[in-house]
Amino acid sequence: MSVNVQPLDEYVLAVQEDASNKTASGLFLPDNATEKPKIAKVLAVGKKVEEIKVNDRIIYKGYSTTEVKVENKDYILVKEEDVLAKIK
């Protein structure tokens, strides 16, 4: 997936994974009842980012992101220091 956004310095551009609308027991939840996951797929990284690469799946601090919409697509910008873990 090619994006027309290049993050600067220590920022990571990512797209959030969709929240599940189904509970473990099989009940469906309305959209407003599901919490956004704090997991995202990295699409681009700034020049100062050292440990995160494109296509990594990351867990990040939810309150520290900047949400942007570019060409009708939703993205988040996260500082590398606010990324808590990579998912293998």
N, C-alpha and C. Protein backbone atom coordinates (compact mmCIF):
# COMPACT_ATOMS: atom_id res chain seq x y z
N MET A 1 0.84 -1.17 0.00
CA MET A 1 0.00 0.00 0.00
C MET A 1 0.89 1.24 0.00
N SER A 2 0.74 2.05 -1.00
CA SER A 2 1.51 3.27 -1.13
C SER A 2 0.74 4.43 -0.51
N VAL A 3 1.45 5.24 0.28
CA VAL A 3 0.81 6.38 0.93
C VAL A 3 1.52 7.66 0.49
N ASN A 4 0.77 8.73 0.44
CA ASN A 4 1.33 10.02 0.06
C ASN A 4 1.70 10.86 1.27
N VAL A 5 1.99 10.21 2.38
CA VAL A 5 2.37 10.91 3.61
C VAL A 5 3.71 10.35 4.07
N GLN A 6 4.67 11.23 4.30
CA GLN A 6 5.97 10.80 4.83
C GLN A 6 6.15 11.42 6.21
N PRO A 7 6.14 10.61 7.27
CA PRO A 7 6.33 11.17 8.61
C PRO A 7 7.74 11.74 8.78
N LEU A 8 7.84 12.74 9.63
CA LEU A 8 9.13 13.38 9.89
C LEU A 8 9.76 12.85 11.17
N ASP A 9 11.06 12.98 11.25
CA ASP A 9 11.85 12.67 12.43
C ASP A 9 11.50 11.33 13.07
N GLU A 10 10.96 11.38 14.32
CA GLU A 10 10.73 10.15 15.09
C GLU A 10 9.29 9.66 15.00
N TYR A 11 8.55 10.09 13.99
CA TYR A 11 7.14 9.68 13.87
C TYR A 11 6.96 8.47 12.98
N VAL A 12 5.90 7.72 13.28
CA VAL A 12 5.52 6.52 12.54
C VAL A 12 4.10 6.76 12.00
N LEU A 13 3.88 6.47 10.73
CA LEU A 13 2.54 6.55 10.14
C LEU A 13 1.98 5.14 10.10
N ALA A 14 0.77 4.98 10.62
CA ALA A 14 0.19 3.64 10.69
C ALA A 14 -1.31 3.71 10.45
N VAL A 15 -1.90 2.55 10.25
CA VAL A 15 -3.35 2.43 10.11
C VAL A 15 -3.83 1.49 11.21
N GLN A 16 -4.88 1.92 11.93
CA GLN A 16 -5.41 1.11 13.03
C GLN A 16 -6.06 -0.15 12.49
N GLU A 17 -5.94 -1.22 13.24
CA GLU A 17 -6.66 -2.44 12.90
C GLU A 17 -8.11 -2.28 13.34
N ASP A 18 -9.01 -2.88 12.61
CA ASP A 18 -10.44 -2.78 12.93
C ASP A 18 -10.75 -3.49 14.23
N ALA A 19 -11.63 -2.89 15.00
CA ALA A 19 -12.08 -3.50 16.25
C ALA A 19 -13.04 -4.62 15.93
N SER A 20 -12.98 -5.66 16.70
CA SER A 20 -13.91 -6.77 16.53
C SER A 20 -15.29 -6.35 17.01
N ASN A 21 -16.32 -6.68 16.22
CA ASN A 21 -17.67 -6.33 16.64
C ASN A 21 -18.40 -7.54 17.20
N LYS A 22 -17.63 -8.53 17.62
CA LYS A 22 -18.20 -9.76 18.15
C LYS A 22 -17.47 -10.13 19.44
N THR A 23 -18.20 -10.48 20.47
CA THR A 23 -17.58 -10.88 21.73
C THR A 23 -17.07 -12.32 21.63
N ALA A 24 -16.31 -12.73 22.62
CA ALA A 24 -15.80 -14.10 22.64
C ALA A 24 -16.93 -15.13 22.67
N SER A 25 -18.07 -14.76 23.25
CA SER A 25 -19.20 -15.70 23.33
C SER A 25 -20.10 -15.64 22.10
N GLY A 26 -19.74 -14.76 21.12
CA GLY A 26 -20.49 -14.73 19.87
C GLY A 26 -21.53 -13.65 19.75
N LEU A 27 -21.64 -12.77 20.75
CA LEU A 27 -22.61 -11.68 20.67
C LEU A 27 -22.05 -10.55 19.80
N PHE A 28 -22.90 -9.97 18.95
CA PHE A 28 -22.48 -8.86 18.13
C PHE A 28 -22.69 -7.54 18.86
N LEU A 29 -21.72 -6.65 18.75
CA LEU A 29 -21.77 -5.35 19.42
C LEU A 29 -21.99 -4.25 18.39
N PRO A 30 -22.74 -3.22 18.74
CA PRO A 30 -22.88 -2.08 17.82
C PRO A 30 -21.56 -1.33 17.71
N ASP A 31 -21.38 -0.58 16.63
CA ASP A 31 -20.12 0.13 16.40
C ASP A 31 -19.73 1.06 17.53
N ASN A 32 -20.70 1.71 18.16
CA ASN A 32 -20.36 2.66 19.22
C ASN A 32 -20.00 1.97 20.53
N ALA A 33 -20.15 0.67 20.63
CA ALA A 33 -19.82 -0.06 21.85
C ALA A 33 -18.44 -0.70 21.80
N THR A 34 -17.79 -0.65 20.66
CA THR A 34 -16.47 -1.27 20.54
C THR A 34 -15.39 -0.23 20.73
N GLU A 35 -14.40 -0.57 21.52
CA GLU A 35 -13.27 0.31 21.76
C GLU A 35 -12.27 0.11 20.63
N LYS A 36 -11.67 1.20 20.15
CA LYS A 36 -10.67 1.08 19.10
C LYS A 36 -9.46 0.34 19.66
N PRO A 37 -8.93 -0.60 18.90
CA PRO A 37 -7.75 -1.31 19.39
C PRO A 37 -6.54 -0.40 19.38
N LYS A 38 -5.59 -0.72 20.15
CA LYS A 38 -4.35 0.05 20.20
C LYS A 38 -3.27 -0.70 19.43
N ILE A 39 -3.69 -1.34 18.35
CA ILE A 39 -2.79 -2.09 17.47
C ILE A 39 -2.92 -1.50 16.08
N ALA A 40 -1.77 -1.33 15.40
CA ALA A 40 -1.79 -0.74 14.08
C ALA A 40 -0.69 -1.35 13.21
N LYS A 41 -0.86 -1.21 11.90
CA LYS A 41 0.14 -1.65 10.94
C LYS A 41 0.89 -0.43 10.44
N VAL A 42 2.22 -0.50 10.47
CA VAL A 42 3.07 0.63 10.09
C VAL A 42 3.15 0.73 8.56
N LEU A 43 2.90 1.94 8.05
CA LEU A 43 2.94 2.19 6.61
C LEU A 43 4.18 2.97 6.19
N ALA A 44 4.70 3.83 7.08
CA ALA A 44 5.89 4.62 6.78
C ALA A 44 6.52 5.06 8.10
N VAL A 45 7.83 5.33 8.05
CA VAL A 45 8.54 5.76 9.26
C VAL A 45 9.39 6.98 8.94
N GLY A 46 9.60 7.83 9.95
CA GLY A 46 10.46 9.00 9.81
C GLY A 46 11.93 8.60 9.79
N LYS A 47 12.78 9.54 9.43
CA LYS A 47 14.22 9.26 9.28
C LYS A 47 14.92 8.91 10.58
N LYS A 48 14.42 9.37 11.72
CA LYS A 48 15.07 9.11 13.00
C LYS A 48 14.53 7.85 13.70
N VAL A 49 13.58 7.17 13.09
CA VAL A 49 13.03 5.95 13.70
C VAL A 49 14.02 4.82 13.49
N GLU A 50 14.36 4.14 14.59
CA GLU A 50 15.40 3.11 14.52
C GLU A 50 14.89 1.69 14.63
N GLU A 51 13.91 1.44 15.49
CA GLU A 51 13.53 0.06 15.79
C GLU A 51 12.26 -0.42 15.10
N ILE A 52 11.56 0.45 14.42
CA ILE A 52 10.30 0.09 13.79
C ILE A 52 10.45 0.19 12.29
N LYS A 53 9.93 -0.81 11.59
CA LYS A 53 10.03 -0.86 10.13
C LYS A 53 8.63 -0.88 9.51
N VAL A 54 8.57 -0.57 8.22
CA VAL A 54 7.32 -0.64 7.48
C VAL A 54 6.79 -2.08 7.53
N ASN A 55 5.49 -2.24 7.67
CA ASN A 55 4.76 -3.51 7.77
C ASN A 55 4.80 -4.15 9.15
N ASP A 56 5.52 -3.56 10.12
CA ASP A 56 5.45 -4.06 11.50
C ASP A 56 4.05 -3.81 12.04
N ARG A 57 3.61 -4.69 12.94
CA ARG A 57 2.38 -4.46 13.69
C ARG A 57 2.82 -4.00 15.07
N ILE A 58 2.24 -2.88 15.53
CA ILE A 58 2.68 -2.28 16.78
C ILE A 58 1.53 -2.12 17.76
N ILE A 59 1.89 -2.07 19.04
CA ILE A 59 0.97 -1.70 20.12
C ILE A 59 1.46 -0.34 20.61
N TYR A 60 0.54 0.62 20.73
CA TYR A 60 0.93 1.98 21.05
C TYR A 60 0.04 2.57 22.13
N LYS A 61 0.52 3.66 22.73
CA LYS A 61 -0.26 4.39 23.72
C LYS A 61 -1.40 5.09 23.00
N GLY A 62 -2.62 4.82 23.40
CA GLY A 62 -3.78 5.33 22.68
C GLY A 62 -3.98 6.83 22.77
N TYR A 63 -3.58 7.44 23.85
CA TYR A 63 -3.82 8.87 24.03
C TYR A 63 -2.79 9.74 23.33
N SER A 64 -1.74 9.15 22.80
CA SER A 64 -0.62 9.95 22.29
C SER A 64 -0.55 10.00 20.77
N THR A 65 -1.62 9.67 20.08
CA THR A 65 -1.59 9.67 18.63
C THR A 65 -2.22 10.93 18.05
N THR A 66 -1.89 11.19 16.81
CA THR A 66 -2.55 12.23 16.04
C THR A 66 -3.27 11.55 14.90
N GLU A 67 -4.58 11.71 14.85
CA GLU A 67 -5.38 11.08 13.79
C GLU A 67 -5.48 12.05 12.62
N VAL A 68 -5.23 11.53 11.40
CA VAL A 68 -5.31 12.34 10.19
C VAL A 68 -6.10 11.61 9.13
N LYS A 69 -6.71 12.38 8.24
CA LYS A 69 -7.43 11.80 7.11
C LYS A 69 -6.82 12.39 5.84
N VAL A 70 -6.28 11.52 4.99
CA VAL A 70 -5.66 11.95 3.74
C VAL A 70 -6.29 11.13 2.62
N GLU A 71 -6.83 11.83 1.63
CA GLU A 71 -7.47 11.19 0.49
C GLU A 71 -8.51 10.16 0.94
N ASN A 72 -9.35 10.56 1.91
CA ASN A 72 -10.44 9.74 2.44
C ASN A 72 -9.99 8.46 3.15
N LYS A 73 -8.75 8.42 3.60
CA LYS A 73 -8.26 7.28 4.37
C LYS A 73 -7.78 7.79 5.73
N ASP A 74 -8.09 7.02 6.77
CA ASP A 74 -7.71 7.41 8.13
C ASP A 74 -6.37 6.81 8.51
N TYR A 75 -5.50 7.64 9.06
CA TYR A 75 -4.18 7.22 9.52
C TYR A 75 -3.95 7.76 10.92
N ILE A 76 -2.93 7.23 11.58
CA ILE A 76 -2.48 7.79 12.84
C ILE A 76 -0.98 8.06 12.75
N LEU A 77 -0.55 9.10 13.44
CA LEU A 77 0.87 9.40 13.60
C LEU A 77 1.22 9.17 15.05
N VAL A 78 2.27 8.39 15.29
CA VAL A 78 2.69 8.03 16.64
C VAL A 78 4.19 8.28 16.75
N LYS A 79 4.62 8.87 17.85
CA LYS A 79 6.06 9.01 18.09
C LYS A 79 6.62 7.62 18.41
N GLU A 80 7.84 7.38 17.98
CA GLU A 80 8.45 6.08 18.25
C GLU A 80 8.49 5.78 19.75
N GLU A 81 8.70 6.79 20.57
CA GLU A 81 8.77 6.56 22.02
C GLU A 81 7.42 6.15 22.61
N ASP A 82 6.33 6.37 21.88
CA ASP A 82 5.00 5.98 22.36
C ASP A 82 4.57 4.61 21.86
N VAL A 83 5.44 3.95 21.11
CA VAL A 83 5.18 2.57 20.69
C VAL A 83 5.66 1.67 21.81
N LEU A 84 4.76 0.82 22.31
CA LEU A 84 5.07 -0.02 23.47
C LEU A 84 5.68 -1.36 23.07
N ALA A 85 5.26 -1.89 21.91
CA ALA A 85 5.74 -3.22 21.51
C ALA A 85 5.49 -3.46 20.04
N LYS A 86 6.23 -4.43 19.48
CA LYS A 86 5.96 -4.93 18.14
C LYS A 86 5.36 -6.31 18.29
N ILE A 87 4.41 -6.64 17.43
CA ILE A 87 3.78 -7.96 17.46
C ILE A 87 4.46 -8.82 16.42
N LYS A 88 4.90 -10.00 16.84
CA LYS A 88 5.61 -10.90 15.91
C LYS A 88 4.64 -11.83 15.24
